[in-house]
């Protein structure tokens, strides 16, 4: 009986040490899973908002409602972002342009490791025009190793992109609506 007692005393703190060794990796993994879930939700919301707002352009409703610049389009987009709409105006960047054909390669504002909003434009097009709508949304990430794996930019920020391309439906063009 006396021989068993000292061995039991030596093991009293082992559960705490084992928990301390496992707790940090477990917490990091849980935060990464939660953050990845948030990224997927943000991607889904952004894609749906881009398609719904692009539909305004496709059907001619954008011109009829006075959506004639990037800021007005961004406002319409952000109103469709649901729970993410509060931060949307400061995080979203919009590019709506007429393209000559579907396999056109438009300029990439993320090339060179910096996001260049100067290359973005806005044009609703005319009936029958091919239109490309691209939206970038800056996503703040909490875990640094997630941002390292997802970022293409030098500053480490992550920008998600949603794109839709379509041919405008026949609608009555708005007088004076031209593209730059």
Protein backbone atom coordinates (compact mmCIF):
# COMPACT_ATOMS: atom_id res chain seq x y z
CA UNK A 1 0.00 0.00 0.00
CA UNK A 2 2.79 2.38 0.83
CA UNK A 3 4.54 1.73 -2.48
CA UNK A 4 1.48 2.71 -4.54
CA UNK A 5 0.92 6.03 -2.80
CA UNK A 6 4.10 7.87 -3.96
CA UNK A 7 3.45 6.92 -7.58
CA UNK A 8 -0.04 8.42 -7.36
CA UNK A 9 1.31 11.69 -6.01
CA UNK A 10 3.67 12.05 -8.96
CA UNK A 11 0.75 11.95 -11.42
CA UNK A 12 -1.45 14.60 -9.81
CA UNK A 13 -0.48 17.46 -12.16
CA UNK A 14 -0.25 15.42 -15.36
CA UNK A 15 -3.80 16.25 -16.53
CA UNK A 16 -3.11 19.97 -16.24
CA UNK A 17 0.16 19.67 -18.18
CA UNK A 18 -1.48 17.58 -20.90
CA UNK A 19 -4.34 20.08 -21.19
CA UNK A 20 -1.88 22.97 -21.43
CA UNK A 21 -0.08 21.20 -24.29
CA UNK A 22 -3.29 20.56 -26.21
CA UNK A 23 -5.30 23.72 -25.39
CA UNK A 24 -3.44 26.22 -27.61
CA UNK A 25 -3.45 24.13 -30.80
CA UNK A 26 -7.07 23.17 -30.14
CA UNK A 27 -8.14 26.81 -29.71
CA UNK A 28 -6.23 27.89 -32.85
CA UNK A 29 -7.88 25.12 -34.82
CA UNK A 30 -11.34 26.09 -33.56
CA UNK A 31 -10.79 29.78 -34.43
CA UNK A 32 -9.53 28.79 -37.89
CA UNK A 33 -12.62 26.62 -38.49
CA UNK A 34 -14.94 29.43 -37.37
CA UNK A 35 -13.10 31.96 -39.49
CA UNK A 36 -13.16 29.69 -42.54
CA UNK A 37 -16.91 29.30 -42.05
CA UNK A 38 -17.24 33.09 -41.97
CA UNK A 39 -15.20 33.32 -45.19
CA UNK A 40 -17.56 30.85 -46.91
CA UNK A 41 -20.63 32.74 -45.71
CA UNK A 42 -19.14 36.05 -46.89
CA UNK A 43 -18.33 34.50 -50.28
CA UNK A 44 -21.88 33.22 -50.68
CA UNK A 45 -23.47 36.52 -49.65
CA UNK A 46 -21.14 38.47 -51.97
CA UNK A 47 -21.84 36.20 -54.95
CA UNK A 48 -25.61 36.46 -54.48
CA UNK A 49 -25.52 40.24 -54.01
CA UNK A 50 -23.37 40.61 -57.14
CA UNK A 51 -25.74 38.51 -59.24
CA UNK A 52 -28.86 40.29 -57.93
CA UNK A 53 -27.40 43.76 -58.44
CA UNK A 54 -26.03 42.75 -61.86
CA UNK A 55 -29.57 41.74 -62.78
CA UNK A 56 -30.56 45.40 -62.40
CA UNK A 57 -28.08 46.25 -65.15
CA UNK A 58 -29.11 43.29 -67.33
CA UNK A 59 -32.81 44.19 -67.27
CA UNK A 60 -32.32 47.95 -67.65
CA UNK A 61 -33.60 48.71 -64.16
CA UNK A 62 -30.25 50.23 -63.16
CA UNK A 63 -30.55 52.94 -65.81
CA UNK A 64 -34.22 53.49 -65.00
CA UNK A 65 -33.42 53.85 -61.27
CA UNK A 66 -30.58 56.30 -61.89
CA UNK A 67 -27.74 53.89 -61.09
CA UNK A 68 -25.19 55.49 -63.38
CA UNK A 69 -21.93 55.36 -61.41
CA UNK A 70 -19.91 53.05 -59.18
CA UNK A 71 -21.10 54.64 -55.93
CA UNK A 72 -24.77 54.17 -56.80
CA UNK A 73 -24.11 50.57 -57.87
CA UNK A 74 -22.16 49.95 -54.66
CA UNK A 75 -25.08 51.33 -52.62
CA UNK A 76 -27.47 48.95 -54.41
CA UNK A 77 -25.02 46.08 -53.89
CA UNK A 78 -24.54 46.82 -50.18
CA UNK A 79 -28.29 46.89 -49.61
CA UNK A 80 -28.30 43.23 -50.69
CA UNK A 81 -25.41 42.14 -48.43
CA UNK A 82 -27.62 41.33 -45.44
CA UNK A 83 -25.67 41.16 -42.16
CA UNK A 84 -22.53 42.41 -43.93
CA UNK A 85 -24.16 45.60 -45.25
CA UNK A 86 -22.93 47.86 -42.43
CA UNK A 87 -19.25 47.61 -43.41
CA UNK A 88 -19.87 47.08 -47.12
CA UNK A 89 -19.38 50.65 -48.46
CA UNK A 90 -15.85 50.84 -47.08
CA UNK A 91 -14.87 47.31 -48.04
CA UNK A 92 -16.42 46.81 -51.50
CA UNK A 93 -14.90 47.85 -54.82
CA UNK A 94 -16.98 47.65 -57.99
CA UNK A 95 -16.13 47.31 -61.69
CA UNK A 96 -18.94 47.21 -64.28
CA UNK A 97 -17.81 47.33 -67.89
CA UNK A 98 -18.93 46.52 -71.40
CA UNK A 99 -16.76 43.82 -72.96
CA UNK A 100 -16.45 42.93 -76.67
CA UNK A 101 -16.75 39.15 -76.10
CA UNK A 102 -17.06 36.71 -73.22
CA UNK A 103 -13.43 35.53 -73.36
CA UNK A 104 -12.12 39.08 -72.83
CA UNK A 105 -9.37 39.41 -70.23
CA UNK A 106 -10.08 42.67 -68.33
CA UNK A 107 -7.35 44.42 -66.33
CA UNK A 108 -6.67 42.85 -62.92
CA UNK A 109 -6.61 45.54 -60.20
CA UNK A 110 -4.76 43.11 -57.89
CA UNK A 111 -1.75 42.62 -60.18
CA UNK A 112 1.60 43.59 -58.76
CA UNK A 113 0.57 42.92 -55.15
CA UNK A 114 -1.41 46.16 -54.73
CA UNK A 115 -5.09 46.87 -55.27
CA UNK A 116 -5.44 49.60 -57.91
CA UNK A 117 -8.94 51.11 -57.92
CA UNK A 118 -7.89 53.46 -60.74
CA UNK A 119 -8.39 50.68 -63.28
CA UNK A 120 -12.03 50.14 -62.24
CA UNK A 121 -14.84 51.64 -64.30
CA UNK A 122 -18.63 51.73 -64.52
CA UNK A 123 -20.82 51.37 -67.62
CA UNK A 124 -24.36 49.93 -67.82
CA UNK A 125 -24.10 49.42 -71.56
CA UNK A 126 -26.90 49.42 -74.11
CA UNK A 127 -29.47 46.73 -74.98
CA UNK A 128 -27.60 43.67 -76.25
CA UNK A 129 -24.24 44.75 -74.76
CA UNK A 130 -22.03 42.16 -73.09
CA UNK A 131 -21.44 43.35 -69.54
CA UNK A 132 -18.94 42.12 -66.95
CA UNK A 133 -19.66 42.89 -63.29
CA UNK A 134 -16.84 42.32 -60.80
CA UNK A 135 -16.94 43.08 -57.09
CA UNK A 136 -14.08 42.82 -54.61
CA UNK A 137 -14.76 42.73 -50.88
CA UNK A 138 -11.99 43.26 -48.31
CA UNK A 139 -12.37 40.63 -45.58
CA UNK A 140 -10.78 41.23 -42.18
CA UNK A 141 -9.30 38.02 -40.78
CA UNK A 142 -8.45 37.37 -37.14
CA UNK A 143 -5.99 34.50 -37.49
CA UNK A 144 -2.76 35.52 -39.18
CA UNK A 145 -2.05 32.15 -40.76
CA UNK A 146 -5.40 32.31 -42.60
CA UNK A 147 -4.54 35.69 -44.11
CA UNK A 148 -1.14 34.39 -45.19
CA UNK A 149 -2.78 31.57 -47.10
CA UNK A 150 -5.55 33.65 -48.68
CA UNK A 151 -3.87 36.97 -49.54
CA UNK A 152 -2.39 37.91 -52.92
CA UNK A 153 -1.64 41.47 -51.81
CA UNK A 154 1.57 42.85 -50.31
CA UNK A 155 -0.23 44.43 -47.34
CA UNK A 156 -1.68 41.06 -46.26
CA UNK A 157 -5.33 42.04 -46.75
CA UNK A 158 -7.69 39.49 -48.23
CA UNK A 159 -10.07 40.49 -51.03
CA UNK A 160 -12.80 38.15 -52.14
CA UNK A 161 -14.09 38.51 -55.69
CA UNK A 162 -17.49 37.80 -57.21
CA UNK A 163 -18.01 38.03 -60.96
CA UNK A 164 -20.95 37.76 -63.31
CA UNK A 165 -21.12 38.31 -67.06
CA UNK A 166 -24.24 38.61 -69.20
CA UNK A 167 -25.80 40.09 -72.30
CA UNK A 168 -28.19 42.97 -71.57
CA UNK A 169 -31.81 42.26 -72.33
CA UNK A 170 -33.66 44.43 -74.82
CA UNK A 171 -34.90 47.45 -72.92
CA UNK A 172 -35.53 51.09 -73.68
CA UNK A 173 -32.13 52.80 -73.38
CA UNK A 174 -31.95 55.89 -71.22
CA UNK A 175 -31.22 59.04 -73.22
CA UNK A 176 -27.75 60.37 -72.61
CA UNK A 177 -26.46 57.16 -71.00
CA UNK A 178 -22.98 56.67 -72.38
CA UNK A 179 -19.92 54.79 -71.25
CA UNK A 180 -16.53 56.32 -70.66
